[in-house]
Amino acid sequence: MRYIIYARKSTDDEDRQVLSIEAQLKELHEYAQRENLHVCKEVIEAKTAKKPGRPLFNDILFQIERGQAEGVLAWHPDRLARNSVDGGKIIYLIDQKVIKDLRFPTFRFDNNAQGKFMLSIVFGQSKYYIDALSENIRRGIRLKLSKGIWPQWASVGYLNDRKTRSIIIDQGKAPLIRKAFELYSTGSYTLAGIHERINDLGLKTRREKSPAISDYQVMLKNPIYYGVFRYKGETYEGTHEPIITKKLFDKCQQVMQLRGKHKEKQTTAFIFRGLIHCGECGRSITAEVQKGHTYYRCTKRLVRCTQKYIREEELAAQIKEILQKVSLSDDWTEKILNELIKDKNAAVQSSGLRQQNHAMKIKAIDEKISKLIDMYLTGNLILAEYQAKKACFINEKKQLHEDFAAESNNWFEPAKEFVTSLNRARWAMEEGNLESQKEFLKKIGSNFILKERRLSFTTENPYKGLFLIAPYTTWRRG
């Protein structure tokens, strides 16, 4: 009699304790040798048996029906079937004498009435185990959702904490996720631009692959990064630490919505075009490429202007000199931020009335959510209405928390942002990224004028004081 060896293992939870494919094959070949069984074929399949439709398993049955083999050799009956359809088909083919024998190292099968009865019991136990396991998993998911815990694999930027069964911030990837949101919120970067910039910084997915452009689109639309998550259409308030604020997330959604309505403008290599005006006639400064170099010049539209061209490299050198005056090294940034944190902790005072008002607003929203659940359970709301209204309440609650935190530290966050912006200026200068330098220039100044090949501008607060007290470009090092 000819036997086909069938070894199966899936990645699902029910196969966690099952022997590996290699171990199954070793056991099966040793068993076949002991029992003098003729093995004509070996089939390996990595697929769950919870549902019918395994292609290789179905192919085995087809080959047996065509007479290419008479029996199947597997490690255990649950390797053949864990659903009623496949289990019933095997027993039916045994009844029709198409399958003449089944052999298992862990289970004795006799091709008679009692043997088929016992086999059907084992198949039934396998299905019961799957059903009970699925119910236990669903119960665990419901418990996690009720506690505001994300129940699946962590998104990029977070890690699954096995001790707490929750997600925690991935300190290596979270800053890159935050940077992606910050860049996209400016409206100056397309998804392709974000993909290029962040991938160059070394962001990897959970499988240690570089994210695709579509991955960034999904990432920028995922509310889990500001502390809220969606699961099967319903919104939940997460207990994990957010990477960004809801305000930053909403800004990115606005940018994405505008890009969806209007065709994105084609990017150009002329970074500083449209930023600067001529100091002689007031016309805009345009750019053009000559002999492989980019030159900036006055448009001289309808006027006589004597201003000359300036090469982009020379203009970039002047901008670098400007940035040196307001840049801050990593060491100084860390020292100043530590001092700010000390001042913040020393200045923390309990504001009883404000805290009480905040707690009352949160309690009111929680009561609305509770009433919403009751309305859904009594049939006064359909599922779609319930999910939409709940999402609004959850986001309103999240915004209240953020606003309360911002009011509590109304001086700290602007001060922190100012210091970190000076540090970003340093990195923009050292990386030589003209796009980042342009964005920082727009932050620290206005009315940019180019005259006699020299760039000047009006300094904006709070950066004005830095230019006034800086005697030379390396004043911090001095």
Protein backbone atom coordinates (compact mmCIF):
# COMPACT_ATOMS: atom_id res chain seq x y z
CA MET A 1 0.00 0.00 0.00
CA ARG A 2 1.28 3.44 -0.94
CA TYR A 3 1.19 6.26 1.60
CA ILE A 4 1.49 10.03 1.24
CA ILE A 5 3.19 11.80 4.16
CA TYR A 6 1.38 15.02 5.12
CA ALA A 7 3.09 17.44 7.54
CA ARG A 8 1.39 20.71 8.49
CA LYS A 9 2.03 23.61 10.85
CA SER A 10 0.48 27.06 10.77
CA THR A 11 1.52 30.28 12.47
CA ASP A 12 -1.76 30.47 14.39
CA ASP A 13 -1.94 30.23 18.17
CA GLU A 14 -3.38 26.70 18.14
CA ASP A 15 -0.15 25.38 16.62
CA ARG A 16 2.16 26.98 19.17
CA GLN A 17 2.86 23.68 20.95
CA VAL A 18 2.85 21.48 17.82
CA LEU A 19 6.06 19.89 16.57
CA SER A 20 7.89 21.75 13.84
CA ILE A 21 7.66 20.49 10.25
CA GLU A 22 11.18 19.08 10.50
CA ALA A 23 10.34 17.21 13.71
CA GLN A 24 7.11 15.86 12.23
CA LEU A 25 8.91 14.54 9.14
CA LYS A 26 11.56 12.88 11.27
CA GLU A 27 8.92 11.12 13.39
CA LEU A 28 6.91 10.08 10.33
CA HIS A 29 9.86 8.63 8.42
CA GLU A 30 11.00 6.69 11.50
CA TYR A 31 7.46 5.38 11.98
CA ALA A 32 7.19 4.37 8.31
CA GLN A 33 10.48 2.52 8.57
CA ARG A 34 9.38 0.68 11.73
CA GLU A 35 6.04 -0.33 10.22
CA ASN A 36 7.47 -1.12 6.75
CA LEU A 37 5.19 1.42 5.07
CA HIS A 38 5.81 2.40 1.44
CA VAL A 39 5.95 6.20 1.22
CA CYS A 40 5.42 7.43 -2.34
CA LYS A 41 5.23 11.19 -1.70
CA GLU A 42 5.89 13.83 0.94
CA VAL A 43 3.69 16.94 1.22
CA ILE A 44 4.43 19.93 3.48
CA GLU A 45 1.86 22.67 4.05
CA ALA A 46 2.07 25.82 6.18
CA LYS A 47 -1.58 26.74 6.53
CA THR A 48 -4.24 26.65 9.22
CA ALA A 49 -6.83 23.86 9.17
CA LYS A 50 -9.54 25.95 10.86
CA LYS A 51 -11.27 26.47 7.51
CA PRO A 52 -11.58 24.21 4.46
CA GLY A 53 -9.67 25.15 1.33
CA ARG A 54 -6.07 24.02 1.89
CA PRO A 55 -4.74 23.55 -1.66
CA LEU A 56 -2.08 20.90 -0.91
CA PHE A 57 -4.38 18.90 1.35
CA ASN A 58 -7.10 18.93 -1.32
CA ASP A 59 -4.51 17.84 -3.88
CA ILE A 60 -3.64 14.80 -1.70
CA LEU A 61 -7.29 13.73 -1.64
CA PHE A 62 -7.50 14.24 -5.41
CA GLN A 63 -4.44 12.05 -5.98
CA ILE A 64 -5.88 9.31 -3.76
CA GLU A 65 -9.19 9.47 -5.67
CA ARG A 66 -7.21 8.96 -8.89
CA GLY A 67 -5.51 5.90 -7.43
CA GLN A 68 -2.00 7.34 -7.07
CA ALA A 69 -1.97 6.35 -3.37
CA GLU A 70 -4.17 4.48 -0.91
CA GLY A 71 -3.29 5.94 2.50
CA VAL A 72 -2.14 9.03 4.38
CA LEU A 73 0.57 9.18 7.04
CA ALA A 74 0.39 12.17 9.43
CA TRP A 75 1.67 12.96 12.93
CA HIS A 76 -1.84 13.33 14.45
CA PRO A 77 -5.44 13.48 13.10
CA ASP A 78 -5.59 17.22 13.86
CA ARG A 79 -2.93 17.71 11.19
CA LEU A 80 -5.50 16.51 8.64
CA ALA A 81 -8.59 18.36 9.82
CA ARG A 82 -9.70 20.93 12.38
CA ASN A 83 -12.99 21.76 10.71
CA SER A 84 -16.12 19.70 10.13
CA VAL A 85 -15.97 19.85 6.31
CA ASP A 86 -12.49 18.33 5.91
CA GLY A 87 -13.08 15.84 8.74
CA GLY A 88 -16.36 14.68 7.22
CA LYS A 89 -14.81 14.34 3.77
CA ILE A 90 -12.01 12.11 5.09
CA ILE A 91 -14.50 9.81 6.83
CA TYR A 92 -16.69 9.76 3.71
CA LEU A 93 -13.73 8.75 1.50
CA ILE A 94 -12.91 5.99 4.01
CA ASP A 95 -16.55 4.79 3.76
CA GLN A 96 -16.24 4.75 -0.03
CA LYS A 97 -12.98 2.78 0.30
CA VAL A 98 -11.12 5.53 -1.59
CA ILE A 99 -8.87 6.06 1.44
CA LYS A 100 -7.96 2.58 2.59
CA ASP A 101 -5.81 3.49 5.59
CA LEU A 102 -4.69 6.31 7.84
CA ARG A 103 -1.58 6.02 9.99
CA PHE A 104 -0.46 8.24 12.92
CA PRO A 105 2.47 7.77 15.33
CA THR A 106 0.33 9.29 18.09
CA PHE A 107 -3.07 7.69 17.38
CA ARG A 108 -4.23 4.20 16.43
CA PHE A 109 -6.79 4.03 13.60
CA ASP A 110 -8.58 0.83 12.53
CA ASN A 111 -10.58 0.90 9.31
CA ASN A 112 -13.81 -0.36 10.81
CA ALA A 113 -16.94 1.07 12.41
CA GLN A 114 -15.32 1.62 15.79
CA GLY A 115 -12.18 3.13 14.22
CA LYS A 116 -14.20 5.62 12.17
CA PHE A 117 -16.26 6.50 15.24
CA MET A 118 -13.14 7.21 17.27
CA LEU A 119 -11.66 9.19 14.38
CA SER A 120 -14.79 11.36 14.20
CA ILE A 121 -14.47 12.00 17.95
CA VAL A 122 -10.84 13.14 17.54
CA PHE A 123 -11.85 15.43 14.65
CA GLY A 124 -14.66 16.81 16.84
CA GLN A 125 -12.24 17.41 19.72
CA SER A 126 -9.89 19.26 17.35
CA LYS A 127 -12.72 21.51 16.20
CA TYR A 128 -13.86 22.08 19.80
CA TYR A 129 -10.31 23.07 20.77
CA ILE A 130 -10.19 25.62 17.93
CA ASP A 131 -13.61 27.03 18.80
CA ALA A 132 -12.76 27.32 22.51
CA LEU A 133 -9.40 28.89 21.72
CA SER A 134 -11.02 31.44 19.41
CA GLU A 135 -13.54 32.35 22.09
CA ASN A 136 -10.76 32.76 24.67
CA ILE A 137 -8.85 35.00 22.29
CA ARG A 138 -11.94 37.12 21.62
CA ARG A 139 -12.59 37.37 25.36
CA GLY A 140 -9.01 38.55 25.91
CA ILE A 141 -9.37 41.13 23.14
CA ARG A 142 -12.60 42.46 24.65
CA LEU A 143 -10.86 42.79 28.03
CA LYS A 144 -7.95 44.69 26.48
CA LEU A 145 -10.31 47.03 24.61
CA SER A 146 -12.20 47.79 27.81
CA LYS A 147 -8.88 48.82 29.39
CA GLY A 148 -7.82 50.93 26.41
CA ILE A 149 -5.04 48.52 25.38
CA TRP A 150 -4.24 47.93 21.71
CA PRO A 151 -4.92 44.18 21.23
CA GLN A 152 -2.74 43.37 18.20
CA TRP A 153 0.82 43.76 16.97
CA ALA A 154 2.17 47.21 17.76
CA SER A 155 2.35 49.78 14.96
CA VAL A 156 5.74 51.09 13.88
CA GLY A 157 6.98 53.37 16.65
CA TYR A 158 5.66 51.13 19.42
CA LEU A 159 6.70 47.77 20.91
CA ASN A 160 4.62 44.98 22.43
CA ASP A 161 5.41 44.71 26.13
CA ARG A 162 5.01 41.06 27.13
CA LYS A 163 4.95 41.87 30.84
CA THR A 164 2.05 44.32 30.74
CA ARG A 165 0.47 42.92 27.52
CA SER A 166 0.29 46.50 26.24
CA ILE A 167 2.32 48.66 23.87
CA ILE A 168 5.18 50.97 24.82
CA ILE A 169 7.11 53.58 22.86
CA ASP A 170 10.01 52.36 20.73
CA GLN A 171 12.62 54.95 21.69
CA GLY A 172 14.58 54.33 18.50
CA LYS A 173 11.71 54.66 16.00
CA ALA A 174 9.29 57.05 17.75
CA PRO A 175 11.37 60.20 17.00
CA LEU A 176 11.35 59.28 13.29
CA ILE A 177 7.57 58.80 13.35
CA ARG A 178 7.20 62.20 15.02
CA LYS A 179 9.51 63.75 12.43
CA ALA A 180 7.40 62.29 9.60
CA PHE A 181 4.27 63.95 11.01
CA GLU A 182 6.08 67.25 11.57
CA LEU A 183 7.47 67.37 8.04
CA TYR A 184 4.18 66.42 6.40
CA SER A 185 2.22 68.96 8.44
CA THR A 186 4.23 71.78 6.85
CA GLY A 187 2.64 70.99 3.48
CA SER A 188 6.06 71.21 1.82
CA TYR A 189 6.54 67.45 1.51
CA THR A 190 4.71 64.85 -0.53
CA LEU A 191 4.36 61.27 0.65
CA ALA A 192 7.24 60.40 -1.67
CA GLY A 193 9.33 63.14 -0.06
CA ILE A 194 8.53 61.87 3.45
CA HIS A 195 9.37 58.34 2.29
CA GLU A 196 12.77 59.45 1.02
CA ARG A 197 13.70 61.62 4.00
CA ILE A 198 12.61 59.27 6.80
CA ASN A 199 13.88 56.10 5.13
CA ASP A 200 17.26 57.75 4.78
CA LEU A 201 17.24 58.22 8.55
CA GLY A 202 16.91 54.46 8.97
CA LEU A 203 13.25 53.81 9.85
CA LYS A 204 12.33 50.11 9.60
CA THR A 205 9.07 48.21 9.94
CA ARG A 206 8.45 45.41 12.44
CA ARG A 207 9.94 43.00 9.90
CA GLU A 208 13.02 45.25 9.58
CA LYS A 209 12.11 46.39 6.07
CA SER A 210 12.07 49.97 4.80
CA PRO A 211 8.49 51.32 4.75
CA ALA A 212 6.91 51.87 1.32
CA ILE A 213 5.16 55.12 0.33
CA SER A 214 1.79 53.49 1.01
CA ASP A 215 2.99 52.61 4.53
CA TYR A 216 3.55 56.29 5.25
CA GLN A 217 0.04 57.13 4.06
CA VAL A 218 -1.41 54.54 6.46
CA MET A 219 0.90 55.79 9.23
CA LEU A 220 -0.12 59.44 8.83
CA LYS A 221 -3.81 58.47 9.05
CA ASN A 222 -3.42 56.24 12.11
CA PRO A 223 -4.83 57.90 15.28
CA ILE A 224 -2.94 55.47 17.54
CA TYR A 225 0.00 57.89 17.47
CA TYR A 226 -1.94 60.56 19.41
CA GLY A 227 -3.41 58.09 21.90
CA VAL A 228 -6.64 56.91 20.26
CA PHE A 229 -7.16 53.77 18.20
CA ARG A 230 -9.79 52.16 16.00
CA TYR A 231 -10.63 48.46 16.17
CA LYS A 232 -13.24 46.92 13.87
CA GLY A 233 -14.80 50.30 13.15
CA GLU A 234 -15.05 51.43 16.78
CA THR A 235 -12.91 54.11 18.43
CA TYR A 236 -11.24 53.57 21.82
CA GLU A 237 -9.29 55.84 24.15
CA GLY A 238 -5.86 54.25 24.49
CA THR A 239 -3.86 54.11 27.71
CA HIS A 240 -0.53 54.02 25.86
CA GLU A 241 1.79 57.01 25.69
CA PRO A 242 1.17 59.12 22.54
CA ILE A 243 4.01 60.00 20.18
CA ILE A 244 2.36 63.16 18.76
CA THR A 245 -0.40 65.55 19.75
CA LYS A 246 -3.90 65.48 18.30
CA LYS A 247 -3.30 68.99 16.99
CA LEU A 248 -0.37 67.80 14.88
CA PHE A 249 -2.38 64.79 13.68
CA ASP A 250 -5.31 67.00 12.63
CA LYS A 251 -2.95 69.30 10.74
CA CYS A 252 -1.63 66.32 8.75
CA GLN A 253 -5.18 65.25 7.91
CA GLN A 254 -5.91 68.74 6.57
CA VAL A 255 -2.79 68.64 4.41
CA MET A 256 -3.69 65.18 3.09
CA GLN A 257 -7.24 66.27 2.35
CA LEU A 258 -6.07 69.30 0.38
CA ARG A 259 -3.64 67.16 -1.59
CA GLY A 260 -6.47 64.79 -2.39
CA LYS A 261 -8.62 67.61 -3.80
CA HIS A 262 -5.93 69.38 -5.78
CA LYS A 263 -3.16 67.99 -7.88
CA GLU A 264 0.15 68.44 -6.14
CA LYS A 265 2.40 71.08 -7.58
CA GLN A 266 5.46 69.78 -9.33
CA THR A 267 8.54 70.09 -7.20
CA THR A 268 11.37 72.24 -8.44
CA ALA A 269 15.06 72.34 -7.75
CA PHE A 270 14.94 76.12 -7.16
CA ILE A 271 14.66 76.06 -3.38
CA PHE A 272 14.81 79.82 -2.68
CA ARG A 273 12.69 81.03 -5.60
CA GLY A 274 9.65 82.96 -4.33
CA LEU A 275 11.25 83.69 -0.95
CA ILE A 276 13.48 86.68 -1.76
CA HIS A 277 12.90 90.07 -3.40
CA CYS A 278 15.29 92.41 -5.12
CA GLY A 279 16.70 95.16 -2.87
CA GLU A 280 16.87 97.65 -5.78
CA CYS A 281 13.54 97.37 -7.61
CA GLY A 282 11.46 95.17 -5.30
CA ARG A 283 10.76 92.53 -7.93
CA SER A 284 10.87 88.81 -7.09
CA ILE A 285 14.11 86.85 -7.27
CA THR A 286 13.87 83.99 -9.78
CA ALA A 287 16.29 81.21 -10.66
CA GLU A 288 17.69 79.44 -13.69
CA VAL A 289 20.30 76.83 -14.52
CA GLN A 290 23.38 77.79 -16.54
CA LYS A 291 26.24 75.38 -17.30
CA GLY A 292 25.18 73.00 -14.55
CA HIS A 293 24.89 75.65 -11.83
CA THR A 294 21.81 77.33 -10.33
CA TYR A 295 21.80 81.13 -10.40
CA TYR A 296 19.39 83.50 -8.65
CA ARG A 297 18.60 86.89 -10.15
CA CYS A 298 16.02 89.67 -10.21
CA THR A 299 13.18 89.14 -12.71
CA LYS A 300 13.60 92.82 -13.74
CA ARG A 301 9.98 92.76 -14.84
CA LEU A 302 9.08 96.06 -16.55
CA VAL A 303 11.91 97.93 -14.80
CA ARG A 304 15.59 98.69 -15.28
CA CYS A 305 17.60 96.94 -12.57
CA THR A 306 21.38 96.74 -12.23
CA GLN A 307 21.53 93.81 -9.80
CA LYS A 308 23.66 90.84 -10.90
CA TYR A 309 23.36 87.07 -10.65
CA ILE A 310 24.40 85.10 -7.57
CA ARG A 311 25.24 81.41 -7.58
CA GLU A 312 23.23 79.15 -5.28
CA GLU A 313 26.42 77.98 -3.54
CA GLU A 314 27.28 81.57 -2.58
CA LEU A 315 23.74 82.23 -1.35
CA ALA A 316 23.81 78.96 0.65
CA ALA A 317 27.09 80.04 2.28
CA GLN A 318 25.48 83.28 3.47
CA ILE A 319 22.50 81.37 4.86
CA LYS A 320 24.86 79.01 6.68
CA GLU A 321 26.55 82.02 8.25
CA ILE A 322 23.14 83.25 9.43
CA LEU A 323 22.20 79.88 10.88
CA GLN A 324 25.47 79.69 12.79
CA LYS A 325 24.37 82.74 14.78
CA VAL A 326 21.21 81.07 16.03
CA SER A 327 22.21 77.39 16.10
CA LEU A 328 22.60 75.42 19.30
CA SER A 329 24.72 72.30 19.80
CA ASP A 330 23.33 69.04 21.18
CA ASP A 331 25.18 69.48 24.48
CA TRP A 332 23.86 72.98 25.05
CA THR A 333 20.36 71.91 24.02
CA GLU A 334 20.35 69.13 26.58
CA LYS A 335 21.69 71.42 29.34
CA ILE A 336 19.12 74.13 28.70
CA LEU A 337 16.23 71.67 28.46
CA ASN A 338 17.27 70.12 31.78
CA GLU A 339 17.21 73.58 33.38
CA LEU A 340 13.78 74.27 31.88
CA ILE A 341 12.47 71.00 33.32
CA LYS A 342 13.82 71.94 36.74
CA ASP A 343 12.06 75.32 36.54
CA LYS A 344 8.86 73.61 35.42
CA ASN A 345 8.91 71.16 38.32
CA ALA A 346 9.67 73.94 40.78
CA ALA A 347 6.81 76.07 39.45
CA VAL A 348 4.16 73.36 39.47
CA GLN A 349 1.29 74.50 41.69
CA SER A 350 -1.97 72.78 42.20
CA SER A 351 -4.78 74.70 40.59
CA GLY A 352 -7.75 73.17 42.41
CA LEU A 353 -10.55 75.02 40.62
CA ARG A 354 -9.15 74.44 37.14
CA GLN A 355 -8.54 70.76 37.85
CA GLN A 356 -12.08 70.45 39.18
CA ASN A 357 -13.54 72.04 36.04
CA HIS A 358 -11.47 69.75 33.87
CA ALA A 359 -12.60 66.67 35.82
CA MET A 360 -16.24 67.74 35.48
CA LYS A 361 -15.91 68.09 31.69
CA ILE A 362 -14.29 64.66 31.41
CA LYS A 363 -16.99 63.14 33.60
CA ALA A 364 -19.70 64.70 31.42
CA ILE A 365 -18.18 63.15 28.30
CA ASP A 366 -17.91 59.75 30.00
CA GLU A 367 -21.60 59.97 30.90
CA LYS A 368 -22.45 60.78 27.28
CA ILE A 369 -20.50 57.73 26.11
CA SER A 370 -22.32 55.57 28.68
CA LYS A 371 -25.70 56.86 27.50
CA LEU A 372 -24.61 56.27 23.92
CA ILE A 373 -23.90 52.60 24.70
CA ASP A 374 -27.34 52.25 26.33
CA MET A 375 -29.03 53.78 23.27
CA TYR A 376 -27.20 51.35 20.99
CA LEU A 377 -28.09 48.34 23.16
CA THR A 378 -31.77 49.34 23.25
CA GLY A 379 -31.86 49.70 19.47
CA ASN A 380 -32.27 53.49 19.35
CA LEU A 381 -29.01 53.85 17.42
CA ILE A 382 -27.67 51.82 14.54
CA LEU A 383 -24.06 50.60 14.71
CA ALA A 384 -22.69 53.20 12.27
CA GLU A 385 -24.27 56.08 14.23
CA TYR A 386 -23.00 54.68 17.52
CA GLN A 387 -19.44 54.30 16.22
CA ALA A 388 -19.39 57.80 14.68
CA LYS A 389 -20.75 59.53 17.81
CA LYS A 390 -18.44 57.58 20.10
CA ALA A 391 -15.43 58.55 17.98
CA CYS A 392 -16.40 62.23 18.32
CA PHE A 393 -16.68 61.96 22.11
CA ILE A 394 -13.35 60.11 22.42
CA ASN A 395 -11.55 62.74 20.31
CA GLU A 396 -13.20 65.55 22.28
CA LYS A 397 -11.98 63.95 25.50
CA LYS A 398 -8.46 63.58 24.11
CA GLN A 399 -8.42 67.24 23.05
CA LEU A 400 -9.53 68.33 26.53
CA HIS A 401 -6.66 66.39 28.11
CA GLU A 402 -4.15 67.97 25.73
CA ASP A 403 -5.54 71.48 26.25
CA PHE A 404 -5.43 71.02 30.03
CA ALA A 405 -1.82 69.84 29.87
CA ALA A 406 -0.91 72.76 27.60
CA GLU A 407 -2.49 75.28 29.98
CA SER A 408 -0.63 73.74 32.90
CA ASN A 409 2.66 74.24 31.08
CA ASN A 410 1.79 77.34 29.04
CA TRP A 411 5.33 78.68 29.30
CA PHE A 412 7.25 75.39 29.17
CA GLU A 413 6.19 74.10 25.76
CA PRO A 414 6.96 77.37 23.86
CA ALA A 415 10.33 77.58 25.63
CA LYS A 416 11.09 73.95 24.82
CA GLU A 417 10.07 74.45 21.18
CA PHE A 418 12.29 77.55 20.92
CA VAL A 419 15.36 75.70 22.24
CA THR A 420 14.80 72.62 20.08
CA SER A 421 14.29 74.85 17.02
CA LEU A 422 17.77 76.27 17.58
CA ASN A 423 19.12 72.73 17.68
CA ARG A 424 17.27 71.89 14.44
CA ALA A 425 18.93 74.90 12.84
CA ARG A 426 22.30 73.37 13.61
CA TRP A 427 21.34 70.08 12.01
CA ALA A 428 19.87 71.82 8.95
CA MET A 429 23.14 73.69 8.60
CA GLU A 430 25.41 70.67 9.05
CA GLU A 431 23.35 68.36 6.82
CA GLY A 432 23.39 70.96 4.07
CA ASN A 433 19.66 70.49 3.49
CA LEU A 434 18.59 73.69 1.72
CA GLU A 435 14.89 72.91 2.06
CA SER A 436 15.20 72.70 5.87
CA GLN A 437 17.32 75.85 5.92
CA LYS A 438 14.66 77.68 3.93
CA GLU A 439 11.92 76.61 6.37
CA PHE A 440 14.00 77.82 9.32
CA LEU A 441 14.74 81.13 7.60
CA LYS A 442 11.00 81.72 7.21
CA LYS A 443 10.62 81.05 10.94
CA ILE A 444 13.29 83.48 12.14
CA GLY A 445 12.77 86.29 9.65
CA SER A 446 10.68 88.04 7.01
CA ASN A 447 11.12 90.57 4.17
CA PHE A 448 14.12 88.76 2.64
CA ILE A 449 16.09 91.13 0.39
CA LEU A 450 18.94 90.40 -2.03
CA LYS A 451 21.06 93.42 -2.95
CA GLU A 452 24.64 93.59 -4.21
CA ARG A 453 24.68 89.79 -3.86
CA ARG A 454 24.08 90.03 -0.10
CA LEU A 455 21.05 88.61 1.70
CA SER A 456 19.35 90.64 4.45
CA PHE A 457 16.06 90.32 6.28
CA THR A 458 13.97 91.54 9.21
CA THR A 459 14.43 89.34 12.28
CA GLU A 460 11.34 88.02 14.01
CA ASN A 461 10.90 87.62 17.76
CA PRO A 462 12.06 85.71 19.77
CA TYR A 463 15.14 85.25 17.57
CA LYS A 464 15.93 88.97 17.34
CA GLY A 465 17.79 88.98 20.65
CA LEU A 466 20.16 86.25 19.51
CA PHE A 467 21.38 88.31 16.56
CA LEU A 468 21.83 91.39 18.74
CA ILE A 469 24.03 89.64 21.34
CA ALA A 470 26.07 87.45 18.99
CA PRO A 471 29.43 89.22 18.47
CA TYR A 472 30.63 86.51 16.08
CA THR A 473 29.28 83.36 14.48
CA THR A 474 30.81 80.95 16.98
CA TRP A 475 29.83 82.92 20.07
CA ARG A 476 28.40 79.89 21.91
CA ARG A 477 31.59 77.91 21.59
CA GLY A 478 33.54 80.92 22.79
